[in-house]
Amino acid sequence: MTQTLVIPRPPAPKAALTRAPRPSTLTGRAIGVLSNGKPNADEFLEALGALLRERAGVRTVAYHRKPSWSRRAPDDVIRQLAQYDAVITAVGD
């Protein structure tokens, strides 16, 4: 009898990915925030957004939410996030 082992992971990316450069300052910047929808993630990100406005001079913090922690963000949310100077995401629990 033959058994097949299945490893449930996505294929490796075809091209190497690099991180976007960090802004030199957050003063006057627009920041996108993505919550994964788990418990406490929204509260944490809202508190972080308030601190960024107060202490780092961030101009705008815009909040977005994934429909579920186990699913990727919809394409329209990704397009919206791409418009900000920087994006922060976090998990909860």
C-alpha atoms as a PDB file:
ATOM      1  CA  MET A   1       0.000   0.000   0.000  1.00  0.00           C
ATOM      2  CA  THR A   2       1.303   3.467  -0.949  1.00  0.00           C
ATOM      3  CA  GLN A   3       0.660   6.542   1.156  1.00  0.00           C
ATOM      4  CA  THR A   4       0.948  10.127  -0.016  1.00  0.00           C
ATOM      5  CA  LEU A   5       2.151  12.860   2.316  1.00  0.00           C
ATOM      6  CA  VAL A   6       0.513  16.231   1.655  1.00  0.00           C
ATOM      7  CA  ILE A   7       2.133  19.366   3.100  1.00  0.00           C
ATOM      8  CA  PRO A   8      -0.497  22.159   3.162  1.00  0.00           C
ATOM      9  CA  ARG A   9       1.605  25.202   2.394  1.00  0.00           C
ATOM     10  CA  PRO A  10       1.621  27.615  -0.512  1.00  0.00           C
ATOM     11  CA  PRO A  11       4.251  27.306  -3.213  1.00  0.00           C
ATOM     12  CA  ALA A  12       7.365  29.414  -2.838  1.00  0.00           C
ATOM     13  CA  PRO A  13       7.097  32.905  -4.387  1.00  0.00           C
ATOM     14  CA  LYS A  14       8.445  33.111  -7.913  1.00  0.00           C
ATOM     15  CA  ALA A  15      10.398  36.299  -7.249  1.00  0.00           C
ATOM     16  CA  ALA A  16      12.235  37.434  -4.161  1.00  0.00           C
ATOM     17  CA  LEU A  17      10.210  39.823  -2.046  1.00  0.00           C
ATOM     18  CA  THR A  18      11.695  42.876  -0.386  1.00  0.00           C
ATOM     19  CA  ARG A  19      10.325  45.115   2.315  1.00  0.00           C
ATOM     20  CA  ALA A  20       9.268  48.624   1.453  1.00  0.00           C
ATOM     21  CA  PRO A  21      11.621  51.287   2.783  1.00  0.00           C
ATOM     22  CA  ARG A  22      10.672  52.796   6.131  1.00  0.00           C
ATOM     23  CA  PRO A  23       9.717  56.463   6.139  1.00  0.00           C
ATOM     24  CA  SER A  24      12.370  58.651   7.769  1.00  0.00           C
ATOM     25  CA  THR A  25       9.688  60.263   9.939  1.00  0.00           C
ATOM     26  CA  LEU A  26       6.024  59.724  10.746  1.00  0.00           C
ATOM     27  CA  THR A  27       5.321  63.420  11.216  1.00  0.00           C
ATOM     28  CA  GLY A  28       2.526  64.488   8.877  1.00  0.00           C
ATOM     29  CA  ARG A  29       2.142  60.990   7.437  1.00  0.00           C
ATOM     30  CA  ALA A  30      -1.010  58.981   6.732  1.00  0.00           C
ATOM     31  CA  ILE A  31      -0.921  55.531   8.309  1.00  0.00           C
ATOM     32  CA  GLY A  32      -3.142  52.597   7.358  1.00  0.00           C
ATOM     33  CA  VAL A  33      -3.982  50.067  10.040  1.00  0.00           C
ATOM     34  CA  LEU A  34      -5.169  46.507   9.365  1.00  0.00           C
ATOM     35  CA  SER A  35      -6.793  44.460  12.111  1.00  0.00           C
ATOM     36  CA  ASN A  36      -7.060  40.713  11.713  1.00  0.00           C
ATOM     37  CA  GLY A  37     -10.318  40.726  13.680  1.00  0.00           C
ATOM     38  CA  LYS A  38      -9.126  38.617  16.604  1.00  0.00           C
ATOM     39  CA  PRO A  39     -10.115  39.622  20.143  1.00  0.00           C
ATOM     40  CA  ASN A  40      -8.224  42.683  21.399  1.00  0.00           C
ATOM     41  CA  ALA A  41      -6.588  43.503  18.051  1.00  0.00           C
ATOM     42  CA  ASP A  42      -8.912  46.458  17.395  1.00  0.00           C
ATOM     43  CA  GLU A  43      -8.400  47.879  20.889  1.00  0.00           C
ATOM     44  CA  PHE A  44      -4.616  47.567  20.607  1.00  0.00           C
ATOM     45  CA  LEU A  45      -4.497  49.199  17.173  1.00  0.00           C
ATOM     46  CA  GLU A  46      -6.787  52.064  18.219  1.00  0.00           C
ATOM     47  CA  ALA A  47      -4.565  52.779  21.240  1.00  0.00           C
ATOM     48  CA  LEU A  48      -1.483  52.605  19.016  1.00  0.00           C
ATOM     49  CA  GLY A  49      -3.088  54.998  16.516  1.00  0.00           C
ATOM     50  CA  ALA A  50      -3.806  57.499  19.284  1.00  0.00           C
ATOM     51  CA  LEU A  51      -0.192  57.313  20.459  1.00  0.00           C
ATOM     52  CA  LEU A  52       1.107  57.782  16.915  1.00  0.00           C
ATOM     53  CA  ARG A  53      -0.976  60.932  16.488  1.00  0.00           C
ATOM     54  CA  GLU A  54      -0.021  62.268  19.918  1.00  0.00           C
ATOM     55  CA  ARG A  55       3.681  61.381  20.075  1.00  0.00           C
ATOM     56  CA  ALA A  56       4.846  60.958  16.480  1.00  0.00           C
ATOM     57  CA  GLY A  57       2.796  63.664  14.775  1.00  0.00           C
ATOM     58  CA  VAL A  58       0.967  61.273  12.466  1.00  0.00           C
ATOM     59  CA  ARG A  59      -1.625  63.232  10.461  1.00  0.00           C
ATOM     60  CA  THR A  60      -4.126  60.456   9.754  1.00  0.00           C
ATOM     61  CA  VAL A  61      -4.728  56.920  11.001  1.00  0.00           C
ATOM     62  CA  ALA A  62      -7.217  54.952   8.888  1.00  0.00           C
ATOM     63  CA  TYR A  63      -8.520  51.639  10.210  1.00  0.00           C
ATOM     64  CA  HIS A  64      -9.369  48.599   8.104  1.00  0.00           C
ATOM     65  CA  ARG A  65     -10.386  45.111   9.137  1.00  0.00           C
ATOM     66  CA  LYS A  66     -10.069  41.683   7.584  1.00  0.00           C
ATOM     67  CA  PRO A  67     -13.330  39.707   7.497  1.00  0.00           C
ATOM     68  CA  SER A  68     -11.656  36.851   9.390  1.00  0.00           C
ATOM     69  CA  TRP A  69      -8.279  36.210  10.975  1.00  0.00           C
ATOM     70  CA  SER A  70      -7.916  33.063   8.876  1.00  0.00           C
ATOM     71  CA  ARG A  71      -8.451  34.739   5.499  1.00  0.00           C
ATOM     72  CA  ARG A  72      -6.396  37.198   3.520  1.00  0.00           C
ATOM     73  CA  ALA A  73      -7.549  40.784   3.252  1.00  0.00           C
ATOM     74  CA  PRO A  74      -9.818  41.429   0.242  1.00  0.00           C
ATOM     75  CA  ASP A  75      -8.199  43.032  -2.813  1.00  0.00           C
ATOM     76  CA  ASP A  76     -10.079  46.302  -2.309  1.00  0.00           C
ATOM     77  CA  VAL A  77      -8.692  46.594   1.238  1.00  0.00           C
ATOM     78  CA  ILE A  78      -5.154  45.887  -0.047  1.00  0.00           C
ATOM     79  CA  ARG A  79      -5.578  48.602  -2.697  1.00  0.00           C
ATOM     80  CA  GLN A  80      -6.743  51.071  -0.048  1.00  0.00           C
ATOM     81  CA  LEU A  81      -3.814  50.208   2.231  1.00  0.00           C
ATOM     82  CA  ALA A  82      -1.372  50.773  -0.626  1.00  0.00           C
ATOM     83  CA  GLN A  83      -2.346  54.468  -0.648  1.00  0.00           C
ATOM     84  CA  TYR A  84      -0.911  55.191   2.826  1.00  0.00           C
ATOM     85  CA  ASP A  85       2.638  56.208   3.697  1.00  0.00           C
ATOM     86  CA  ALA A  86       2.967  53.174   5.979  1.00  0.00           C
ATOM     87  CA  VAL A  87       0.778  50.279   7.141  1.00  0.00           C
ATOM     88  CA  ILE A  88       0.621  48.588  10.527  1.00  0.00           C
ATOM     89  CA  THR A  89      -1.012  45.240  11.153  1.00  0.00           C
ATOM     90  CA  ALA A  90      -1.371  43.271  14.363  1.00  0.00           C
ATOM     91  CA  VAL A  91      -2.980  40.218  15.824  1.00  0.00           C
ATOM     92  CA  GLY A  92      -5.028  39.901  18.968  1.00  0.00           C
ATOM     93  CA  ASP A  93      -5.867  37.347  21.672  1.00  0.00           C
END
